């Protein structure tokens, strides 16, 4: 069971990660807060897509074409994940409207969004690792770690939907 202190601690950590958040005590602002969090998470994924596109451009300029199709497929999947976050269904919007807010589910959502942030940062590390490869390494490079980071994020996004369907 989440205590008020735990809920407050979760909210404080969300504010540190996602600047521009209004006070969590403002009931009307809860929906806006959720949107800000989702937009910032999606923006961070799009940053990684841009980094992938830079890698693709560098590889194209060097005539290293073998990994391009794989990188393109992963970049498109990442864009879909960003869109999934940014345009998430308002299926739980009723909680933020004029009905009583279930603080425990709200705390679970924000806690879950924090974990999504961590998954996205792991994805950023995986993209950073791709930038480390030398030209001759691309012929034998495995994108498994990168692909696994994307798959973990996708799985976490699917599980996020369950927060408001659980009793």
Foldseek 3Di string as FASTA:
>chain_A
DDDPVNLVVLVVVLCVVQPPQDDPVPLLRLVVNLLSLLLVLLVLLVVLLVLLVVVLVVCVVVVNCVCNVVSVVLSVLSNVLSCCSNVPDCPVVVLSPPDPHPSVLSSVLSNLSVVLSVLSVQLVVLSVVVVPDDNVCVVPDDSVSNVVSSVVSVVSSVVSVCSVVDD
